C-alpha cells in the first residue's frame, strides 16, 4: 500500500496496512520564503519519512488589513483582498511548487488559519477582545471579509495547487474566553465559511483544535465541524485518542504524542519512543481510524530520526 492510499484510507476509516504517521514543524528565516521554503519542505519530507506532508503557511500568519485599526469601528474598513492579491498568489505559488516536486508521492494538506486567528496575529489578542465589547458588528464584518479570502484560498489550494485538502487550526475556544453560545455566534460563522469552501471541493479536510497557549478549550464548539478528521492536544485537553474517537463520534483521530520538548518524542531514547508508540496503538485497539501525530507543531530542532522510530514501531506493532 502506498502512502496516498494509506492516508486516504485512514481518513475514511478504511483498512490500512499500517497506521500512517505524520508530524510537522514551522520553517523560519529564509526557509520561510520562496524557493528555500519549497526546498525545506522537501528536505523534511524526504528525511523524516512521514506519510503525508502538511504544507506550512509560514510568512503568512497575519492578514494584509490595509487599514490602521485604532478604534473598534475601523474593522468595518477591512475588505477582501481577492484572488489576485499578493496574499493569495504567493501562497499558491509555494504550494504549487511543493506539489510539483512531490509528483503525487503523498497526500498534502495546506495550513489555512481561521479568520479569528488572523486578526489577532495582525493586531493583538487584547485589542480584538476590547473591540468585540465596543463594536461587535464591526469585528464580525472584518472576520467575514477575511473569511471570504481564506475560503477562496482553501478552494484554490485544492483545485489549482493540487492539495488533497486543508489542515485548518481553530483557536479562541479557551474556557475563559467565550461561552459556548458566544463562540458559536462570534467565531463559528467565519470558521465555517472557510472550512465549508474546502469541503465543497474535497472531503479530506482536517480540523486542528489548537491549545497553543496551554489552556483547555471548549472542544464541543468544534465537535460538529464538517472535517473528516480531528487533531487536538491530548495532553492539555486530557482527552485520550480512544476518548476522542468517541467524542467525535467515530471520525478519524490524529495525534497521540506531546509536541513539547518534555514529551517522549523529543527526549526519549529509541526504545522509549518505540515502546510508547506500541502502547499507544495497542490502547487504541485497531489500525483503522487513526493517524499518529502530535498535539501541535513540533519545535524545529526535532531530531528526524525520532520520527522515523515512530514509523518503524507502527510498521511492527501487531494487533
C-alpha atoms as a PDB file:
ATOM      1  CA  UNK A   1       0.000   0.000   0.000  1.00  0.00           C
ATOM      2  CA  UNK A   2       1.498   3.355  -0.985  1.00  0.00           C
ATOM      3  CA  UNK A   3       1.434   6.471   1.179  1.00  0.00           C
ATOM      4  CA  UNK A   4      -1.502   8.109  -0.613  1.00  0.00           C
ATOM      5  CA  UNK A   5      -3.760   5.081  -0.332  1.00  0.00           C
ATOM      6  CA  UNK A   6      -2.722   4.511   3.294  1.00  0.00           C
ATOM      7  CA  UNK A   7      -3.568   8.082   4.341  1.00  0.00           C
ATOM      8  CA  UNK A   8      -6.809   8.405   2.375  1.00  0.00           C
ATOM      9  CA  UNK A   9      -7.999   5.041   3.725  1.00  0.00           C
ATOM     10  CA  UNK A  10      -7.103   6.116   7.253  1.00  0.00           C
ATOM     11  CA  UNK A  11      -9.045   9.363   6.888  1.00  0.00           C
ATOM     12  CA  UNK A  12     -12.087   7.400   5.735  1.00  0.00           C
ATOM     13  CA  UNK A  13     -11.735   4.787   8.479  1.00  0.00           C
ATOM     14  CA  UNK A  14     -10.965   2.046   5.951  1.00  0.00           C
ATOM     15  CA  UNK A  15      -8.425  -0.790   6.100  1.00  0.00           C
ATOM     16  CA  UNK A  16      -4.746   0.123   6.102  1.00  0.00           C
ATOM     17  CA  UNK A  17      -1.593  -1.968   6.012  1.00  0.00           C
ATOM     18  CA  UNK A  18      -0.271   0.029   8.965  1.00  0.00           C
ATOM     19  CA  UNK A  19      -1.186   3.188  10.847  1.00  0.00           C
ATOM     20  CA  UNK A  20       0.044   6.303   8.998  1.00  0.00           C
ATOM     21  CA  UNK A  21       2.377   8.742  10.757  1.00  0.00           C
ATOM     22  CA  UNK A  22       2.919  12.461  10.204  1.00  0.00           C
ATOM     23  CA  UNK A  23       4.398  15.335  12.187  1.00  0.00           C
ATOM     24  CA  UNK A  24       5.305  18.882  11.131  1.00  0.00           C
ATOM     25  CA  UNK A  25       7.166  21.964  12.236  1.00  0.00           C
ATOM     26  CA  UNK A  26       7.460  25.611  11.196  1.00  0.00           C
ATOM     27  CA  UNK A  27      10.200  26.979   8.957  1.00  0.00           C
ATOM     28  CA  UNK A  28      11.800  30.286   9.873  1.00  0.00           C
ATOM     29  CA  UNK A  29      14.134  32.875   8.372  1.00  0.00           C
ATOM     30  CA  UNK A  30      14.986  32.351   4.699  1.00  0.00           C
ATOM     31  CA  UNK A  31      13.429  28.858   4.879  1.00  0.00           C
ATOM     32  CA  UNK A  32      10.010  30.526   5.196  1.00  0.00           C
ATOM     33  CA  UNK A  33      10.368  32.278   1.857  1.00  0.00           C
ATOM     34  CA  UNK A  34      10.257  31.419  -1.831  1.00  0.00           C
ATOM     35  CA  UNK A  35      12.281  28.575  -3.274  1.00  0.00           C
ATOM     36  CA  UNK A  36      14.082  27.966   0.032  1.00  0.00           C
ATOM     37  CA  UNK A  37      10.737  27.213   1.664  1.00  0.00           C
ATOM     38  CA  UNK A  38       9.903  24.697  -1.056  1.00  0.00           C
ATOM     39  CA  UNK A  39      13.300  23.067  -0.616  1.00  0.00           C
ATOM     40  CA  UNK A  40      12.907  22.999   3.186  1.00  0.00           C
ATOM     41  CA  UNK A  41       9.575  21.185   2.889  1.00  0.00           C
ATOM     42  CA  UNK A  42      11.083  18.634   0.512  1.00  0.00           C
ATOM     43  CA  UNK A  43      14.080  18.037   2.747  1.00  0.00           C
ATOM     44  CA  UNK A  44      11.823  17.492   5.734  1.00  0.00           C
ATOM     45  CA  UNK A  45       9.591  15.080   3.823  1.00  0.00           C
ATOM     46  CA  UNK A  46      12.479  13.042   2.495  1.00  0.00           C
ATOM     47  CA  UNK A  47      14.445  12.910   5.736  1.00  0.00           C
ATOM     48  CA  UNK A  48      11.575  12.227   8.139  1.00  0.00           C
ATOM     49  CA  UNK A  49       9.715   9.654   6.040  1.00  0.00           C
ATOM     50  CA  UNK A  50       6.253  10.913   7.081  1.00  0.00           C
ATOM     51  CA  UNK A  51       3.194   9.531   5.306  1.00  0.00           C
ATOM     52  CA  UNK A  52       1.727  12.903   4.341  1.00  0.00           C
ATOM     53  CA  UNK A  53       3.009  16.450   4.176  1.00  0.00           C
ATOM     54  CA  UNK A  54       1.300  19.316   5.926  1.00  0.00           C
ATOM     55  CA  UNK A  55       2.417  22.371   3.968  1.00  0.00           C
ATOM     56  CA  UNK A  56       3.084  25.258   6.326  1.00  0.00           C
ATOM     57  CA  UNK A  57       1.855  28.827   5.826  1.00  0.00           C
ATOM     58  CA  UNK A  58       4.944  30.398   7.395  1.00  0.00           C
ATOM     59  CA  UNK A  59       5.283  34.021   6.329  1.00  0.00           C
ATOM     60  CA  UNK A  60       1.508  34.411   6.073  1.00  0.00           C
ATOM     61  CA  UNK A  61       0.473  34.356   9.727  1.00  0.00           C
ATOM     62  CA  UNK A  62      -1.044  37.802   9.522  1.00  0.00           C
ATOM     63  CA  UNK A  63      -3.553  39.207   7.061  1.00  0.00           C
ATOM     64  CA  UNK A  64      -2.965  42.364   4.979  1.00  0.00           C
ATOM     65  CA  UNK A  65      -5.618  44.526   6.607  1.00  0.00           C
ATOM     66  CA  UNK A  66      -4.510  47.568   4.551  1.00  0.00           C
ATOM     67  CA  UNK A  67      -6.101  49.828   7.155  1.00  0.00           C
ATOM     68  CA  UNK A  68      -4.907  51.060  10.517  1.00  0.00           C
ATOM     69  CA  UNK A  69      -7.001  49.654  13.348  1.00  0.00           C
ATOM     70  CA  UNK A  70      -7.213  52.164  16.177  1.00  0.00           C
ATOM     71  CA  UNK A  71     -10.843  52.161  17.237  1.00  0.00           C
ATOM     72  CA  UNK A  72     -13.421  49.401  17.056  1.00  0.00           C
ATOM     73  CA  UNK A  73     -15.315  50.892  14.114  1.00  0.00           C
ATOM     74  CA  UNK A  74     -12.151  50.709  11.978  1.00  0.00           C
ATOM     75  CA  UNK A  75     -12.794  46.997  11.477  1.00  0.00           C
ATOM     76  CA  UNK A  76     -15.607  47.986   9.097  1.00  0.00           C
ATOM     77  CA  UNK A  77     -12.914  49.175   6.664  1.00  0.00           C
ATOM     78  CA  UNK A  78     -11.391  45.710   6.219  1.00  0.00           C
ATOM     79  CA  UNK A  79     -12.238  44.353   2.783  1.00  0.00           C
ATOM     80  CA  UNK A  80     -11.318  41.119   0.956  1.00  0.00           C
ATOM     81  CA  UNK A  81      -8.060  41.268  -0.998  1.00  0.00           C
ATOM     82  CA  UNK A  82      -9.272  38.968  -3.754  1.00  0.00           C
ATOM     83  CA  UNK A  83      -7.875  36.012  -5.682  1.00  0.00           C
ATOM     84  CA  UNK A  84      -5.223  38.070  -7.476  1.00  0.00           C
ATOM     85  CA  UNK A  85      -3.775  39.600  -4.319  1.00  0.00           C
ATOM     86  CA  UNK A  86      -0.185  39.026  -3.257  1.00  0.00           C
ATOM     87  CA  UNK A  87      -1.551  37.360  -0.107  1.00  0.00           C
ATOM     88  CA  UNK A  88      -3.284  34.643  -2.123  1.00  0.00           C
ATOM     89  CA  UNK A  89      -0.948  34.291  -5.095  1.00  0.00           C
ATOM     90  CA  UNK A  90       2.289  33.944  -3.151  1.00  0.00           C
ATOM     91  CA  UNK A  91       0.803  31.124  -1.102  1.00  0.00           C
ATOM     92  CA  UNK A  92      -0.455  29.433  -4.259  1.00  0.00           C
ATOM     93  CA  UNK A  93       2.976  29.653  -5.861  1.00  0.00           C
ATOM     94  CA  UNK A  94       4.611  27.986  -2.853  1.00  0.00           C
ATOM     95  CA  UNK A  95       2.156  25.121  -2.717  1.00  0.00           C
ATOM     96  CA  UNK A  96       2.201  24.541  -6.461  1.00  0.00           C
ATOM     97  CA  UNK A  97       5.973  24.318  -6.259  1.00  0.00           C
ATOM     98  CA  UNK A  98       5.925  21.759  -3.456  1.00  0.00           C
ATOM     99  CA  UNK A  99       3.268  19.596  -5.066  1.00  0.00           C
ATOM    100  CA  UNK A 100       5.131  19.692  -8.385  1.00  0.00           C
ATOM    101  CA  UNK A 101       8.244  18.391  -6.636  1.00  0.00           C
ATOM    102  CA  UNK A 102       6.329  15.630  -4.840  1.00  0.00           C
ATOM    103  CA  UNK A 103       4.785  14.343  -8.094  1.00  0.00           C
ATOM    104  CA  UNK A 104       1.871  12.763  -6.238  1.00  0.00           C
ATOM    105  CA  UNK A 105       4.040  10.660  -3.933  1.00  0.00           C
ATOM    106  CA  UNK A 106       1.939  11.551  -0.890  1.00  0.00           C
ATOM    107  CA  UNK A 107      -1.120  13.476   0.199  1.00  0.00           C
ATOM    108  CA  UNK A 108      -0.677  17.150   1.034  1.00  0.00           C
ATOM    109  CA  UNK A 109      -2.796  19.444   3.182  1.00  0.00           C
ATOM    110  CA  UNK A 110      -2.279  23.191   3.315  1.00  0.00           C
ATOM    111  CA  UNK A 111      -2.414  25.074   6.594  1.00  0.00           C
ATOM    112  CA  UNK A 112      -5.236  27.649   6.362  1.00  0.00           C
ATOM    113  CA  UNK A 113      -5.753  29.688   9.519  1.00  0.00           C
ATOM    114  CA  UNK A 114      -9.183  30.652  10.789  1.00  0.00           C
ATOM    115  CA  UNK A 115     -10.016  34.372  10.384  1.00  0.00           C
ATOM    116  CA  UNK A 116     -10.258  34.834  14.157  1.00  0.00           C
ATOM    117  CA  UNK A 117      -6.624  33.799  14.449  1.00  0.00           C
ATOM    118  CA  UNK A 118      -5.518  36.085  11.621  1.00  0.00           C
ATOM    119  CA  UNK A 119      -6.995  39.272  13.104  1.00  0.00           C
ATOM    120  CA  UNK A 120      -5.264  38.556  16.423  1.00  0.00           C
ATOM    121  CA  UNK A 121      -1.948  37.811  14.707  1.00  0.00           C
ATOM    122  CA  UNK A 122      -2.178  41.111  12.818  1.00  0.00           C
ATOM    123  CA  UNK A 123      -3.196  43.281  15.795  1.00  0.00           C
ATOM    124  CA  UNK A 124      -3.335  41.798  19.285  1.00  0.00           C
ATOM    125  CA  UNK A 125      -5.462  39.496  21.372  1.00  0.00           C
ATOM    126  CA  UNK A 126      -6.179  42.335  23.790  1.00  0.00           C
ATOM    127  CA  UNK A 127      -7.301  44.736  21.064  1.00  0.00           C
ATOM    128  CA  UNK A 128      -9.656  42.222  19.473  1.00  0.00           C
ATOM    129  CA  UNK A 129     -11.209  41.335  22.831  1.00  0.00           C
ATOM    130  CA  UNK A 130     -11.764  45.010  23.697  1.00  0.00           C
ATOM    131  CA  UNK A 131     -13.172  45.878  20.286  1.00  0.00           C
ATOM    132  CA  UNK A 132     -15.615  42.976  20.445  1.00  0.00           C
ATOM    133  CA  UNK A 133     -17.053  44.606  23.560  1.00  0.00           C
ATOM    134  CA  UNK A 134     -17.219  48.047  21.934  1.00  0.00           C
ATOM    135  CA  UNK A 135     -18.476  47.224  18.422  1.00  0.00           C
ATOM    136  CA  UNK A 136     -19.049  43.542  17.854  1.00  0.00           C
ATOM    137  CA  UNK A 137     -20.698  44.088  14.474  1.00  0.00           C
ATOM    138  CA  UNK A 138     -17.595  45.827  13.122  1.00  0.00           C
ATOM    139  CA  UNK A 139     -15.288  42.992  14.174  1.00  0.00           C
ATOM    140  CA  UNK A 140     -17.684  40.438  12.696  1.00  0.00           C
ATOM    141  CA  UNK A 141     -17.636  42.387   9.439  1.00  0.00           C
ATOM    142  CA  UNK A 142     -13.847  42.076   9.294  1.00  0.00           C
ATOM    143  CA  UNK A 143     -13.985  38.375  10.111  1.00  0.00           C
ATOM    144  CA  UNK A 144     -16.398  37.844   7.244  1.00  0.00           C
ATOM    145  CA  UNK A 145     -14.183  39.779   4.816  1.00  0.00           C
ATOM    146  CA  UNK A 146     -11.118  37.747   5.757  1.00  0.00           C
ATOM    147  CA  UNK A 147     -13.150  34.541   5.613  1.00  0.00           C
ATOM    148  CA  UNK A 148     -14.062  35.380   2.020  1.00  0.00           C
ATOM    149  CA  UNK A 149     -10.381  35.460   1.066  1.00  0.00           C
ATOM    150  CA  UNK A 150      -9.474  32.354   3.049  1.00  0.00           C
ATOM    151  CA  UNK A 151     -12.451  30.478   1.644  1.00  0.00           C
ATOM    152  CA  UNK A 152     -11.145  31.245  -1.845  1.00  0.00           C
ATOM    153  CA  UNK A 153      -7.615  30.368  -0.762  1.00  0.00           C
ATOM    154  CA  UNK A 154      -8.811  26.987   0.519  1.00  0.00           C
ATOM    155  CA  UNK A 155     -10.652  26.327  -2.735  1.00  0.00           C
ATOM    156  CA  UNK A 156      -7.646  27.249  -4.847  1.00  0.00           C
ATOM    157  CA  UNK A 157      -5.295  25.085  -2.809  1.00  0.00           C
ATOM    158  CA  UNK A 158      -7.377  22.070  -3.737  1.00  0.00           C
ATOM    159  CA  UNK A 159      -8.496  22.978  -7.257  1.00  0.00           C
ATOM    160  CA  UNK A 160      -5.367  24.694  -8.597  1.00  0.00           C
ATOM    161  CA  UNK A 161      -2.425  23.926  -6.304  1.00  0.00           C
ATOM    162  CA  UNK A 162      -3.052  20.183  -6.067  1.00  0.00           C
ATOM    163  CA  UNK A 163      -3.619  19.655  -2.345  1.00  0.00           C
ATOM    164  CA  UNK A 164      -5.880  16.869  -1.160  1.00  0.00           C
ATOM    165  CA  UNK A 165      -7.486  19.186   1.372  1.00  0.00           C
ATOM    166  CA  UNK A 166      -6.697  21.750   4.026  1.00  0.00           C
ATOM    167  CA  UNK A 167      -5.484  21.467   7.590  1.00  0.00           C
ATOM    168  CA  UNK A 168      -7.338  24.179   9.500  1.00  0.00           C
ATOM    169  CA  UNK A 169      -6.296  25.265  13.011  1.00  0.00           C
ATOM    170  CA  UNK A 170      -9.167  26.593  15.102  1.00  0.00           C
ATOM    171  CA  UNK A 171      -8.357  28.866  18.037  1.00  0.00           C
ATOM    172  CA  UNK A 172     -10.148  31.040  20.563  1.00  0.00           C
ATOM    173  CA  UNK A 173     -12.059  28.255  22.283  1.00  0.00           C
ATOM    174  CA  UNK A 174     -10.332  28.630  25.666  1.00  0.00           C
ATOM    175  CA  UNK A 175     -12.666  28.075  28.604  1.00  0.00           C
ATOM    176  CA  UNK A 176     -12.211  31.613  29.928  1.00  0.00           C
ATOM    177  CA  UNK A 177     -12.591  33.453  26.595  1.00  0.00           C
ATOM    178  CA  UNK A 178     -16.130  32.789  25.365  1.00  0.00           C
ATOM    179  CA  UNK A 179     -19.124  30.804  26.489  1.00  0.00           C
ATOM    180  CA  UNK A 180     -20.286  28.112  24.067  1.00  0.00           C
ATOM    181  CA  UNK A 181     -23.013  30.401  22.697  1.00  0.00           C
ATOM    182  CA  UNK A 182     -20.651  33.364  22.356  1.00  0.00           C
ATOM    183  CA  UNK A 183     -18.131  31.348  20.369  1.00  0.00           C
ATOM    184  CA  UNK A 184     -20.802  29.981  18.075  1.00  0.00           C
ATOM    185  CA  UNK A 185     -22.152  33.481  17.451  1.00  0.00           C
ATOM    186  CA  UNK A 186     -18.860  35.358  17.075  1.00  0.00           C
ATOM    187  CA  UNK A 187     -16.318  32.898  15.672  1.00  0.00           C
ATOM    188  CA  UNK A 188     -18.085  29.908  14.143  1.00  0.00           C
ATOM    189  CA  UNK A 189     -19.573  31.709  11.092  1.00  0.00           C
ATOM    190  CA  UNK A 190     -16.134  32.706   9.768  1.00  0.00           C
ATOM    191  CA  UNK A 191     -14.673  29.309  10.718  1.00  0.00           C
ATOM    192  CA  UNK A 192     -17.301  27.528   8.677  1.00  0.00           C
ATOM    193  CA  UNK A 193     -17.185  29.909   5.732  1.00  0.00           C
ATOM    194  CA  UNK A 194     -13.596  28.774   5.151  1.00  0.00           C
ATOM    195  CA  UNK A 195     -13.947  25.104   6.049  1.00  0.00           C
ATOM    196  CA  UNK A 196     -17.134  24.599   4.052  1.00  0.00           C
ATOM    197  CA  UNK A 197     -15.471  26.113   0.985  1.00  0.00           C
ATOM    198  CA  UNK A 198     -12.814  23.400   1.230  1.00  0.00           C
ATOM    199  CA  UNK A 199     -15.412  20.703   1.863  1.00  0.00           C
ATOM    200  CA  UNK A 200     -17.206  21.625  -1.366  1.00  0.00           C
ATOM    201  CA  UNK A 201     -14.026  20.690  -3.262  1.00  0.00           C
ATOM    202  CA  UNK A 202     -12.723  17.752  -1.192  1.00  0.00           C
ATOM    203  CA  UNK A 203     -13.874  15.640   1.715  1.00  0.00           C
ATOM    204  CA  UNK A 204     -10.312  15.273   3.012  1.00  0.00           C
ATOM    205  CA  UNK A 205     -10.063  18.249   5.366  1.00  0.00           C
ATOM    206  CA  UNK A 206      -8.527  18.110   8.840  1.00  0.00           C
ATOM    207  CA  UNK A 207      -9.563  20.172  11.877  1.00  0.00           C
ATOM    208  CA  UNK A 208      -6.849  21.082  14.387  1.00  0.00           C
ATOM    209  CA  UNK A 209      -8.276  22.173  17.741  1.00  0.00           C
ATOM    210  CA  UNK A 210      -5.402  24.300  18.897  1.00  0.00           C
ATOM    211  CA  UNK A 211      -4.284  24.628  22.515  1.00  0.00           C
ATOM    212  CA  UNK A 212      -1.168  26.641  21.649  1.00  0.00           C
ATOM    213  CA  UNK A 213      -1.396  28.762  24.808  1.00  0.00           C
ATOM    214  CA  UNK A 214      -1.525  25.720  27.075  1.00  0.00           C
ATOM    215  CA  UNK A 215      -5.130  26.218  28.190  1.00  0.00           C
ATOM    216  CA  UNK A 216      -8.047  23.844  27.817  1.00  0.00           C
ATOM    217  CA  UNK A 217     -10.655  24.554  25.148  1.00  0.00           C
ATOM    218  CA  UNK A 218     -14.384  24.047  24.884  1.00  0.00           C
ATOM    219  CA  UNK A 219     -13.907  21.224  22.405  1.00  0.00           C
ATOM    220  CA  UNK A 220     -17.658  20.959  21.977  1.00  0.00           C
ATOM    221  CA  UNK A 221     -17.728  24.210  19.953  1.00  0.00           C
ATOM    222  CA  UNK A 222     -15.922  22.380  17.133  1.00  0.00           C
ATOM    223  CA  UNK A 223     -17.412  18.938  17.544  1.00  0.00           C
ATOM    224  CA  UNK A 224     -19.862  19.219  14.622  1.00  0.00           C
ATOM    225  CA  UNK A 225     -17.497  20.932  12.174  1.00  0.00           C
ATOM    226  CA  UNK A 226     -17.516  19.120   8.801  1.00  0.00           C
ATOM    227  CA  UNK A 227     -13.955  17.803   8.889  1.00  0.00           C
ATOM    228  CA  UNK A 228     -13.056  14.207   8.076  1.00  0.00           C
ATOM    229  CA  UNK A 229     -10.541  14.006  10.937  1.00  0.00           C
ATOM    230  CA  UNK A 230      -9.756  15.792  14.196  1.00  0.00           C
ATOM    231  CA  UNK A 231      -6.453  16.612  15.871  1.00  0.00           C
ATOM    232  CA  UNK A 232      -6.360  18.062  19.391  1.00  0.00           C
ATOM    233  CA  UNK A 233      -3.978  18.357  22.321  1.00  0.00           C
ATOM    234  CA  UNK A 234      -4.249  15.006  24.065  1.00  0.00           C
ATOM    235  CA  UNK A 235      -2.031  16.173  26.914  1.00  0.00           C
ATOM    236  CA  UNK A 236      -3.539  19.618  27.550  1.00  0.00           C
ATOM    237  CA  UNK A 237      -7.182  18.670  26.993  1.00  0.00           C
ATOM    238  CA  UNK A 238      -6.647  15.403  28.898  1.00  0.00           C
ATOM    239  CA  UNK A 239      -8.642  13.527  26.277  1.00  0.00           C
ATOM    240  CA  UNK A 240      -7.008  10.326  25.018  1.00  0.00           C
ATOM    241  CA  UNK A 241      -7.186   9.089  21.461  1.00  0.00           C
ATOM    242  CA  UNK A 242      -9.764   6.490  22.460  1.00  0.00           C
ATOM    243  CA  UNK A 243     -11.859   9.119  24.253  1.00  0.00           C
ATOM    244  CA  UNK A 244     -11.534  11.434  21.261  1.00  0.00           C
ATOM    245  CA  UNK A 245     -12.776   8.749  18.892  1.00  0.00           C
ATOM    246  CA  UNK A 246     -15.942   8.549  20.980  1.00  0.00           C
ATOM    247  CA  UNK A 247     -16.233  12.332  21.429  1.00  0.00           C
ATOM    248  CA  UNK A 248     -16.035  12.933  17.682  1.00  0.00           C
ATOM    249  CA  UNK A 249     -18.459  10.091  17.023  1.00  0.00           C
ATOM    250  CA  UNK A 250     -16.126   7.697  15.265  1.00  0.00           C
ATOM    251  CA  UNK A 251     -14.350  10.141  12.980  1.00  0.00           C
ATOM    252  CA  UNK A 252     -10.656   9.579  12.337  1.00  0.00           C
ATOM    253  CA  UNK A 253      -8.393  10.970  15.037  1.00  0.00           C
ATOM    254  CA  UNK A 254      -4.853  12.302  14.621  1.00  0.00           C
ATOM    255  CA  UNK A 255      -2.241  12.646  17.357  1.00  0.00           C
ATOM    256  CA  UNK A 256      -1.174  10.851  20.497  1.00  0.00           C
ATOM    257  CA  UNK A 257       2.240  12.483  21.040  1.00  0.00           C
ATOM    258  CA  UNK A 258       3.088  15.522  23.159  1.00  0.00           C
ATOM    259  CA  UNK A 259       4.599  18.156  20.863  1.00  0.00           C
ATOM    260  CA  UNK A 260       6.511  19.822  23.696  1.00  0.00           C
ATOM    261  CA  UNK A 261      10.161  19.175  24.497  1.00  0.00           C
ATOM    262  CA  UNK A 262       9.136  17.448  27.721  1.00  0.00           C
ATOM    263  CA  UNK A 263       7.464  14.679  25.708  1.00  0.00           C
ATOM    264  CA  UNK A 264       8.923  11.311  24.770  1.00  0.00           C
ATOM    265  CA  UNK A 265       9.231  12.267  21.095  1.00  0.00           C
ATOM    266  CA  UNK A 266      11.915  14.809  21.973  1.00  0.00           C
ATOM    267  CA  UNK A 267      13.623  13.359  24.998  1.00  0.00           C
ATOM    268  CA  UNK A 268      13.065   9.636  24.680  1.00  0.00           C
ATOM    269  CA  UNK A 269      15.513   7.005  23.567  1.00  0.00           C
ATOM    270  CA  UNK A 270      14.827   4.844  20.535  1.00  0.00           C
ATOM    271  CA  UNK A 271      13.487   2.112  22.815  1.00  0.00           C
ATOM    272  CA  UNK A 272      11.276   4.534  24.759  1.00  0.00           C
ATOM    273  CA  UNK A 273       9.785   6.111  21.639  1.00  0.00           C
ATOM    274  CA  UNK A 274       9.051   2.724  20.097  1.00  0.00           C
ATOM    275  CA  UNK A 275       7.568   1.389  23.313  1.00  0.00           C
ATOM    276  CA  UNK A 276       5.338   4.467  23.669  1.00  0.00           C
ATOM    277  CA  UNK A 277       4.187   4.063  20.055  1.00  0.00           C
ATOM    278  CA  UNK A 278       3.422   0.380  20.547  1.00  0.00           C
ATOM    279  CA  UNK A 279       1.411   1.068  23.705  1.00  0.00           C
ATOM    280  CA  UNK A 280      -0.499   3.889  22.020  1.00  0.00           C
ATOM    281  CA  UNK A 281      -1.509   1.648  19.131  1.00  0.00           C
ATOM    282  CA  UNK A 282      -2.472  -1.266  21.355  1.00  0.00           C
ATOM    283  CA  UNK A 283      -4.533   1.002  23.616  1.00  0.00           C
ATOM    284  CA  UNK A 284      -6.430   2.273  20.570  1.00  0.00           C
ATOM    285  CA  UNK A 285      -7.078  -1.330  19.625  1.00  0.00           C
ATOM    286  CA  UNK A 286      -7.320  -1.070  15.856  1.00  0.00           C
ATOM    287  CA  UNK A 287      -5.315   0.171  12.880  1.00  0.00           C
ATOM    288  CA  UNK A 288      -8.363   1.873  11.373  1.00  0.00           C
ATOM    289  CA  UNK A 289      -9.474   5.451  12.036  1.00  0.00           C
ATOM    290  CA  UNK A 290      -6.207   6.737  13.491  1.00  0.00           C
ATOM    291  CA  UNK A 291      -3.129   8.622  12.285  1.00  0.00           C
ATOM    292  CA  UNK A 292      -0.179   9.062  14.636  1.00  0.00           C
ATOM    293  CA  UNK A 293       0.941  12.649  15.108  1.00  0.00           C
ATOM    294  CA  UNK A 294       1.425  15.317  17.747  1.00  0.00           C
ATOM    295  CA  UNK A 295      -0.758  17.635  19.784  1.00  0.00           C
ATOM    296  CA  UNK A 296       0.516  20.580  17.750  1.00  0.00           C
ATOM    297  CA  UNK A 297       3.528  21.796  15.782  1.00  0.00           C
ATOM    298  CA  UNK A 298       6.925  20.427  16.798  1.00  0.00           C
ATOM    299  CA  UNK A 299       9.974  22.545  17.527  1.00  0.00           C
ATOM    300  CA  UNK A 300      12.238  22.990  14.514  1.00  0.00           C
ATOM    301  CA  UNK A 301      15.129  21.268  16.254  1.00  0.00           C
ATOM    302  CA  UNK A 302      13.371  17.901  16.467  1.00  0.00           C
ATOM    303  CA  UNK A 303      15.724  15.060  15.516  1.00  0.00           C
ATOM    304  CA  UNK A 304      14.141  13.452  12.465  1.00  0.00           C
ATOM    305  CA  UNK A 305      15.362  10.032  13.496  1.00  0.00           C
ATOM    306  CA  UNK A 306      12.855  10.177  16.374  1.00  0.00           C
ATOM    307  CA  UNK A 307      10.055  10.495  13.834  1.00  0.00           C
ATOM    308  CA  UNK A 308      11.447   7.521  11.953  1.00  0.00           C
ATOM    309  CA  UNK A 309      11.379   5.496  15.199  1.00  0.00           C
ATOM    310  CA  UNK A 310       7.619   6.092  15.409  1.00  0.00           C
ATOM    311  CA  UNK A 311       7.174   4.939  11.809  1.00  0.00           C
ATOM    312  CA  UNK A 312       9.273   1.816  12.441  1.00  0.00           C
ATOM    313  CA  UNK A 313       7.209   0.974  15.520  1.00  0.00           C
ATOM    314  CA  UNK A 314       3.956   1.499  13.606  1.00  0.00           C
ATOM    315  CA  UNK A 315       5.185  -0.997  10.996  1.00  0.00           C
ATOM    316  CA  UNK A 316       5.973  -3.725  13.519  1.00  0.00           C
ATOM    317  CA  UNK A 317       3.246  -3.383  16.186  1.00  0.00           C
ATOM    318  CA  UNK A 318       0.756  -6.222  15.962  1.00  0.00           C
ATOM    319  CA  UNK A 319      -2.917  -6.089  16.907  1.00  0.00           C
END
